[in-house]
Protein backbone atom coordinates (compact mmCIF):
# COMPACT_ATOMS: atom_id res chain seq x y z
CA MET A 1 -5.92 -11.70 -44.71
CA GLY A 2 -6.26 -10.04 -48.07
CA ASN A 3 -7.15 -6.61 -46.76
CA GLY A 4 -3.76 -4.95 -46.26
CA LEU A 5 -4.41 -4.18 -42.58
CA LYS A 6 -1.80 -4.78 -39.89
CA ILE A 7 -3.94 -5.31 -36.80
CA PRO A 8 -2.03 -5.76 -33.54
CA PRO A 9 -2.70 -9.24 -32.13
CA SER A 10 -3.38 -8.03 -28.59
CA GLY A 11 -3.76 -4.97 -26.39
CA ALA A 12 -5.42 -3.67 -23.24
CA LEU A 13 -8.26 -2.59 -25.52
CA ASP A 14 -9.36 -4.23 -28.74
CA PHE A 15 -11.28 -1.13 -29.79
CA LEU A 16 -11.34 2.53 -28.77
CA ALA A 17 -13.84 5.08 -30.09
CA LEU A 18 -13.76 8.89 -29.91
CA GLY A 19 -17.04 10.77 -30.23
CA ALA A 20 -19.97 12.60 -28.67
CA LEU A 21 -22.38 10.99 -26.26
CA ASN A 22 -25.97 12.17 -26.42
CA HIS A 23 -29.49 10.99 -25.69
CA ARG A 24 -32.30 10.41 -28.16
CA LEU A 25 -35.92 11.14 -27.28
CA ASP A 26 -38.20 8.69 -29.08
CA PRO A 27 -42.01 9.06 -29.03
CA GLY A 28 -42.39 5.89 -31.13
CA ILE A 29 -44.74 6.18 -34.09
CA VAL A 30 -46.28 9.40 -32.73
CA PRO A 31 -44.81 12.58 -34.29
CA PHE A 32 -43.40 15.09 -31.81
CA ARG A 33 -46.08 17.66 -32.47
CA LYS A 34 -48.60 15.23 -30.95
CA ALA A 35 -46.36 13.34 -28.51
CA THR A 36 -47.19 12.98 -24.82
CA GLN A 37 -44.35 10.67 -23.79
CA CYS A 38 -40.91 9.55 -24.99
CA GLN A 39 -38.41 6.80 -24.45
CA ILE A 40 -34.84 7.96 -23.65
CA HIS A 41 -32.08 6.19 -25.58
CA PRO A 42 -28.44 7.06 -24.75
CA SER A 43 -26.69 7.26 -28.09
CA GLY A 44 -23.85 8.57 -30.22
CA ALA A 45 -22.51 7.06 -33.44
CA GLU A 46 -19.12 6.12 -32.02
CA TYR A 47 -20.64 4.96 -28.72
CA ASN A 48 -23.14 2.78 -30.58
CA CYS A 49 -20.28 1.10 -32.42
CA ALA A 50 -18.06 0.62 -29.35
CA SER A 51 -20.90 -0.64 -27.16
CA ALA A 52 -21.78 -3.29 -29.75
CA LEU A 53 -18.21 -4.52 -29.88
CA SER A 54 -18.29 -4.87 -26.09
CA ASP A 55 -21.82 -6.11 -25.39
CA CYS A 56 -22.52 -8.29 -28.43
CA PHE A 57 -19.08 -9.17 -29.76
CA ARG A 58 -17.41 -9.57 -26.34
CA LEU A 59 -14.33 -7.50 -27.06
CA LYS A 60 -12.55 -5.07 -24.74
CA ALA A 61 -13.74 -1.66 -25.86
CA GLY A 62 -13.39 1.91 -24.63
CA LEU A 63 -14.83 5.34 -25.33
CA VAL A 64 -13.23 8.80 -25.27
CA SER A 65 -15.83 11.53 -24.85
CA ALA A 66 -17.17 14.51 -22.90
CA MET A 67 -19.29 14.00 -19.80
CA VAL A 68 -21.34 16.58 -17.89
CA ASP A 69 -21.86 16.14 -14.16
CA TYR A 70 -25.66 16.42 -13.92
CA PRO A 71 -28.55 13.94 -14.00
CA LEU A 72 -28.62 13.46 -17.78
CA GLY A 73 -24.89 12.81 -17.72
CA ASP A 74 -25.43 10.28 -14.94
CA LEU A 75 -28.10 8.51 -17.00
CA ILE A 76 -25.83 8.25 -20.04
CA ALA A 77 -22.76 7.25 -18.01
CA GLU A 78 -24.76 4.43 -16.43
CA ARG A 79 -25.48 2.99 -19.87
CA VAL A 80 -21.83 3.30 -20.87
CA ARG A 81 -20.94 1.20 -17.82
CA ALA A 82 -23.79 -1.26 -18.47
CA MET A 83 -22.51 -1.89 -22.00
CA GLY A 84 -19.11 -2.81 -20.56
CA LEU A 85 -17.08 0.10 -21.94
CA THR A 86 -13.99 1.63 -20.39
CA PRO A 87 -14.63 5.40 -20.39
CA PHE A 88 -12.09 8.20 -20.76
CA TYR A 89 -13.96 11.43 -20.02
CA LYS A 90 -13.25 15.12 -20.09
CA ARG A 91 -15.66 16.20 -17.37
CA PHE A 92 -17.67 19.42 -17.36
CA ALA A 93 -19.69 21.02 -14.56
CA HIS A 94 -23.26 22.07 -15.40
CA ASP A 95 -24.17 25.61 -14.32
CA GLY A 96 -27.78 24.65 -13.58
CA VAL A 97 -29.19 26.84 -16.35
CA LEU A 98 -27.29 26.99 -19.65
CA GLY A 99 -25.04 23.97 -19.51
CA PRO A 100 -22.77 22.65 -20.93
CA ASN A 101 -25.23 19.96 -22.00
CA MET A 102 -25.36 16.41 -23.23
CA ALA A 103 -26.97 16.91 -26.64
CA THR A 104 -30.56 15.88 -27.33
CA ILE A 105 -31.59 14.12 -30.54
CA TYR A 106 -35.29 14.04 -31.39
CA SER A 107 -36.40 11.21 -33.68
CA ASP A 108 -39.83 9.68 -34.12
CA GLN A 109 -40.03 6.29 -35.79
CA GLY A 110 -42.49 7.14 -38.56
CA HIS A 111 -44.69 4.40 -39.93
CA GLY A 112 -45.62 3.07 -43.35
CA VAL A 113 -45.59 5.92 -45.88
CA ARG A 114 -44.63 8.45 -43.15
CA PRO A 115 -40.83 8.62 -42.74
CA PRO A 116 -38.97 9.18 -39.46
CA VAL A 117 -38.10 12.80 -38.71
CA VAL A 118 -34.81 13.73 -36.98
CA PHE A 119 -33.84 17.10 -35.49
CA TYR A 120 -31.44 18.24 -32.80
CA ASN A 121 -30.76 20.40 -29.80
CA ARG A 122 -26.99 20.55 -29.67
CA ALA A 123 -26.80 24.04 -28.12
CA ASN A 124 -23.81 24.40 -25.77
CA GLU A 125 -22.96 20.73 -26.22
CA ALA A 126 -20.11 19.55 -24.03
CA ALA A 127 -18.56 17.38 -26.76
CA ALA A 128 -18.28 20.42 -29.05
CA LEU A 129 -16.12 22.11 -26.40
CA LEU A 130 -13.43 19.41 -26.53
CA GLN A 131 -10.00 20.71 -27.52
CA PRO A 132 -6.67 19.18 -28.52
CA GLY A 133 -4.75 18.49 -25.33
CA ASP A 134 -7.84 17.49 -23.32
CA PHE A 135 -6.84 13.81 -23.36
CA ASP A 136 -3.57 12.14 -22.42
CA TRP A 137 -3.31 9.96 -25.50
CA LYS A 138 0.05 8.52 -24.47
CA ALA A 139 -1.49 7.18 -21.27
CA ILE A 140 -4.64 5.97 -23.05
CA PHE A 141 -2.62 3.98 -25.60
CA ALA A 142 0.03 2.83 -23.09
CA GLY A 143 -1.44 -0.66 -22.62
CA GLY A 144 -1.99 -1.17 -26.34
CA VAL A 145 -5.05 -0.49 -28.49
CA ARG A 146 -5.72 -2.62 -31.56
CA TRP A 147 -8.24 -0.37 -33.33
CA PHE A 148 -9.12 3.36 -33.06
CA HIS A 149 -12.34 4.82 -34.49
CA SER A 150 -14.15 8.14 -34.90
CA GLY A 151 -16.70 9.68 -37.22
CA GLY A 152 -18.07 12.57 -39.22
CA ILE A 153 -20.82 13.59 -36.80
CA PHE A 154 -18.25 14.37 -34.11
CA ALA A 155 -16.03 16.09 -36.69
CA ALA A 156 -18.90 18.44 -37.61
CA LEU A 157 -19.68 19.68 -34.11
CA SER A 158 -17.14 22.51 -33.87
CA PRO A 159 -13.81 23.76 -35.26
CA SER A 160 -11.98 21.99 -32.44
CA THR A 161 -13.52 18.51 -32.60
CA SER A 162 -11.90 17.68 -35.94
CA GLU A 163 -8.55 18.66 -34.44
CA VAL A 164 -9.19 16.29 -31.51
CA ILE A 165 -9.89 13.51 -34.03
CA ILE A 166 -6.64 14.23 -35.89
CA GLU A 167 -4.69 14.35 -32.62
CA GLY A 168 -6.19 11.00 -31.55
CA MET A 169 -5.55 9.38 -34.93
CA GLN A 170 -1.94 10.54 -34.98
CA ALA A 171 -1.46 9.00 -31.52
CA ALA A 172 -3.20 5.82 -32.64
CA ARG A 173 -1.00 5.42 -35.69
CA LYS A 174 2.09 6.04 -33.59
CA ALA A 175 0.91 3.33 -31.19
CA GLY A 176 0.36 0.87 -34.06
CA ALA A 177 -3.45 0.77 -34.00
CA VAL A 178 -5.60 0.42 -37.09
CA VAL A 179 -7.53 3.67 -37.67
CA SER A 180 -11.10 3.85 -38.99
CA PHE A 181 -13.54 6.66 -39.74
CA ASP A 182 -17.26 6.60 -40.49
CA LEU A 183 -17.97 9.55 -42.77
CA ASN A 184 -21.58 9.82 -41.50
CA TYR A 185 -22.21 13.02 -43.47
CA ARG A 186 -25.00 15.08 -41.87
CA GLU A 187 -25.91 18.15 -43.89
CA LYS A 188 -27.75 19.81 -40.98
CA LEU A 189 -24.66 19.66 -38.78
CA TRP A 190 -22.18 20.86 -41.40
CA LYS A 191 -24.53 23.68 -42.40
CA VAL A 192 -24.08 25.32 -39.00
CA SER A 193 -20.35 24.58 -38.73
CA GLY A 194 -18.90 25.95 -41.96
CA GLY A 195 -20.91 24.44 -44.78
CA ALA A 196 -20.11 21.99 -47.55
CA GLY A 197 -16.68 23.46 -48.33
CA ARG A 198 -15.46 23.10 -44.77
CA ALA A 199 -16.87 19.56 -44.60
CA VAL A 200 -14.66 18.48 -47.50
CA GLU A 201 -11.60 20.32 -46.18
CA VAL A 202 -11.90 18.80 -42.71
CA THR A 203 -12.81 15.29 -43.80
CA ARG A 204 -9.97 15.07 -46.31
CA ARG A 205 -7.44 15.92 -43.59
CA ILE A 206 -8.89 13.17 -41.41
CA ALA A 207 -9.06 10.62 -44.25
CA ASP A 208 -5.31 11.07 -44.84
CA LEU A 209 -4.80 9.23 -41.52
CA VAL A 210 -7.34 6.45 -42.07
CA ASP A 211 -6.93 2.74 -42.86
CA VAL A 212 -10.63 1.78 -42.93
CA LEU A 213 -13.33 4.09 -44.25
CA VAL A 214 -17.08 3.61 -43.85
CA GLY A 215 -19.42 5.57 -46.10
CA ASN A 216 -21.81 5.38 -49.02
CA GLU A 217 -21.69 7.25 -52.34
CA GLU A 218 -23.26 10.38 -50.85
CA ASP A 219 -20.77 10.34 -47.97
CA LEU A 220 -17.87 9.99 -50.40
CA GLN A 221 -19.16 12.81 -52.60
CA LYS A 222 -20.18 15.31 -49.93
CA GLY A 223 -17.67 14.32 -47.26
CA LEU A 224 -14.58 13.81 -49.40
CA GLY A 225 -15.53 15.74 -52.54
CA ILE A 226 -15.08 12.65 -54.71
CA PRO A 227 -17.00 12.98 -58.01
CA GLY A 228 -19.70 10.36 -58.50
CA PRO A 229 -19.87 8.14 -61.59
CA ASP A 230 -21.76 9.39 -64.64
CA ALA A 231 -24.05 6.35 -64.74
CA ALA A 232 -25.95 5.87 -61.51
CA GLY A 233 -26.94 2.38 -60.43
CA ALA A 234 -30.33 1.00 -61.33
CA SER A 235 -31.34 1.18 -57.65
CA SER A 236 -29.89 2.06 -54.26
CA LEU A 237 -29.00 -1.64 -53.94
CA ASP A 238 -26.77 -1.50 -57.03
CA PRO A 239 -23.13 -1.45 -55.84
CA ARG A 240 -21.68 -0.07 -59.10
CA ALA A 241 -21.89 3.58 -58.04
CA PHE A 242 -20.00 2.79 -54.83
CA PHE A 243 -17.30 0.71 -56.53
CA GLY A 244 -17.01 3.29 -59.29
CA MET A 245 -15.71 5.83 -56.78
CA ILE A 246 -13.14 3.70 -54.97
CA ASP A 247 -10.20 4.32 -57.31
CA ALA A 248 -10.59 8.07 -56.78
CA VAL A 249 -10.84 7.62 -53.00
CA VAL A 250 -7.68 5.52 -52.80
CA ALA A 251 -5.77 7.79 -55.19
CA ARG A 252 -6.52 10.79 -52.98
CA HIS A 253 -6.06 8.95 -49.68
CA PRO A 254 -3.43 6.25 -50.22
CA LYS A 255 -3.42 4.99 -46.61
CA VAL A 256 -6.98 3.67 -47.08
CA ARG A 257 -6.98 -0.12 -47.37
CA VAL A 258 -10.68 -0.90 -46.83
CA VAL A 259 -13.91 0.94 -47.70
CA ALA A 260 -17.34 -0.41 -46.78
CA THR A 261 -20.96 0.68 -46.53
CA THR A 262 -24.53 -0.52 -46.25
CA LEU A 263 -26.97 -0.51 -49.15
CA ARG A 264 -30.59 0.18 -48.30
CA GLU A 265 -33.67 0.58 -50.44
CA VAL A 266 -36.63 1.95 -48.47
CA ARG A 267 -39.86 0.32 -49.63
CA SER A 268 -41.71 1.91 -46.71
CA THR A 269 -40.66 3.09 -43.25
CA ASN A 270 -41.08 -0.45 -41.95
CA ARG A 271 -39.93 -2.43 -44.96
CA HIS A 272 -36.39 -2.10 -46.28
CA ALA A 273 -34.23 -4.11 -48.66
CA TRP A 274 -30.81 -4.39 -47.03
CA SER A 275 -27.36 -5.27 -48.31
CA ALA A 276 -23.74 -4.16 -47.85
CA VAL A 277 -20.55 -3.85 -49.88
CA ALA A 278 -16.84 -3.67 -49.18
CA TRP A 279 -13.69 -2.97 -51.13
CA ALA A 280 -10.68 -4.53 -49.39
CA GLY A 281 -7.15 -4.64 -50.73
CA GLY A 282 -8.38 -4.34 -54.30
CA ALA A 283 -11.11 -6.99 -54.06
CA ARG A 284 -14.86 -6.31 -54.18
CA HIS A 285 -17.37 -8.03 -51.91
CA VAL A 286 -21.18 -7.82 -51.87
CA ALA A 287 -23.44 -9.18 -49.13
CA PRO A 288 -26.79 -10.85 -49.83
CA THR A 289 -29.97 -8.77 -50.06
CA LEU A 290 -32.41 -9.23 -47.20
CA GLU A 291 -35.97 -7.93 -46.86
CA LEU A 292 -36.14 -6.27 -43.42
CA ASP A 293 -39.20 -5.68 -41.27
CA VAL A 294 -37.96 -2.58 -39.47
CA HIS A 295 -38.93 -1.68 -35.92
CA ASP A 296 -36.48 1.24 -35.46
CA ARG A 297 -33.94 2.05 -38.16
CA VAL A 298 -31.69 4.30 -36.04
CA GLY A 299 -28.30 2.71 -35.37
CA GLY A 300 -28.34 0.20 -38.22
CA GLY A 301 -25.30 1.73 -39.90
CA ASP A 302 -23.38 1.84 -36.63
CA GLY A 303 -24.34 -1.79 -36.08
CA PHE A 304 -23.01 -2.70 -39.52
CA ALA A 305 -19.70 -0.96 -38.80
CA ALA A 306 -19.35 -2.77 -35.46
CA GLY A 307 -19.94 -6.20 -36.97
CA PHE A 308 -17.63 -5.51 -39.89
CA PHE A 309 -14.85 -4.27 -37.57
CA TYR A 310 -15.36 -7.31 -35.35
CA GLY A 311 -14.88 -9.64 -38.28
CA LEU A 312 -11.62 -7.96 -39.28
CA LEU A 313 -10.40 -7.89 -35.65
CA ALA A 314 -11.23 -11.59 -35.36
CA GLY A 315 -9.12 -12.38 -38.42
CA GLU A 316 -12.02 -13.25 -40.71
CA PRO A 317 -11.55 -12.71 -44.46
CA PRO A 318 -13.23 -9.53 -45.74
CA GLU A 319 -16.20 -11.34 -47.27
CA GLU A 320 -17.02 -12.96 -43.91
CA ALA A 321 -16.47 -9.71 -42.02
CA LEU A 322 -18.90 -8.03 -44.43
CA LYS A 323 -21.56 -10.67 -43.71
CA LEU A 324 -21.13 -10.21 -39.96
CA GLY A 325 -21.59 -6.45 -40.32
CA TRP A 326 -24.58 -6.97 -42.62
CA ALA A 327 -26.18 -9.39 -40.17
CA HIS A 328 -25.63 -7.26 -37.07
CA GLY A 329 -26.86 -4.10 -38.79
CA ALA A 330 -30.02 -5.94 -39.84
CA LEU A 331 -30.63 -7.19 -36.31
CA ILE A 332 -30.23 -3.68 -34.86
CA THR A 333 -33.30 -2.54 -36.82
CA THR A 334 -35.44 -5.10 -34.96
CA PHE A 335 -34.78 -3.56 -31.53
CA PRO A 336 -35.91 -0.29 -29.94
CA GLY A 337 -33.16 2.22 -29.28
CA ASP A 338 -29.79 2.92 -30.83
CA THR A 339 -27.56 0.28 -29.26
CA THR A 340 -27.34 -3.46 -29.78
CA MET A 341 -29.51 -6.03 -28.04
CA ALA A 342 -28.23 -8.84 -30.26
CA THR A 343 -26.12 -11.78 -29.18
CA LEU A 344 -23.02 -13.03 -30.96
CA GLU A 345 -24.83 -16.30 -31.65
CA GLN A 346 -27.70 -14.47 -33.37
CA VAL A 347 -25.26 -12.55 -35.57
CA HIS A 348 -23.39 -15.67 -36.61
CA SER A 349 -26.67 -17.50 -37.30
CA LEU A 350 -28.05 -14.74 -39.54
CA SER A 351 -24.72 -14.27 -41.33
CA LYS A 352 -24.85 -17.97 -42.25
CA GLY A 353 -28.43 -17.74 -43.52
CA GLY A 354 -30.38 -18.44 -40.31
CA SER A 355 -34.15 -17.96 -40.29
CA ALA A 356 -36.66 -16.32 -37.96
CA ARG A 357 -38.17 -19.64 -36.89
CA ILE A 358 -38.88 -19.77 -33.17
CA GLN A 359 -35.96 -20.89 -31.01
CA ARG A 360 -37.05 -23.34 -28.28
């Protein structure tokens, strides 16, 4: 396939993600300080990716996470079921007052020159309480899993969550699964869980177990401590800065066979230029640039990762997998919420240059 990956041909699950489930409160274009109502979107970076592979891409996907037995947990668990995922939960009882809780993400959509604003309430979050030994990985992988995935947001939640990721990845590699990690560097989260130094220390340990890495130049610099190139690209759509860092990434983490990311230039909150790049087995690939009319940008990167993983799982060459990720990530920005509402046919159509003409 030209990417150096050895993906098992079959398994009880095509894809298994490990990460935190949460819910996002979305007041639309109204900022929170003036909001009177919100939409509730169940979310989580790893969940967003797994649910897309199930609901849009029609693969057998599962999710390993924490679940709290109270109404918000019930709401989120219902969406996990609705998206067709097989859940593996460590369950927690809620004490009726302090938790543990399913984390809340607050994110308005912004509009025009006003950007979206994101902040959190992750106090006493159930996912942050997860410990090595909480999951029976041998049983989870017993039927075969083709691909195992986690990400940097979950890694940042507490000292124990990164150890759960490492434990899961070690089990995945032993079971023959491909292992991926989305760096998803979030400065706010790392600031309260050890700072920039700990972020690099933790993420490097994880990256030593990874076959496929997702992350842009900032992720590579702040997550892995990889120095950036001296000459920055002419714009955020210029792939040279990304490609200029790959040799250092692979030298430090020799198991890595594929690195990919989106490229986005924000013209305004509702108008983005969108592209994507991948390095696979030594070859460089760049997706087309598309002008996006953005409804809700949250989840676009997770949507890209899902489409890219799908292409590789389906045996597509890296350049086609990149286009599928690029197309699905673009489509995600046209829907409300964090999870996919796209169909496989829509993704294939856009990846081949389809237009927005009405479909009758």
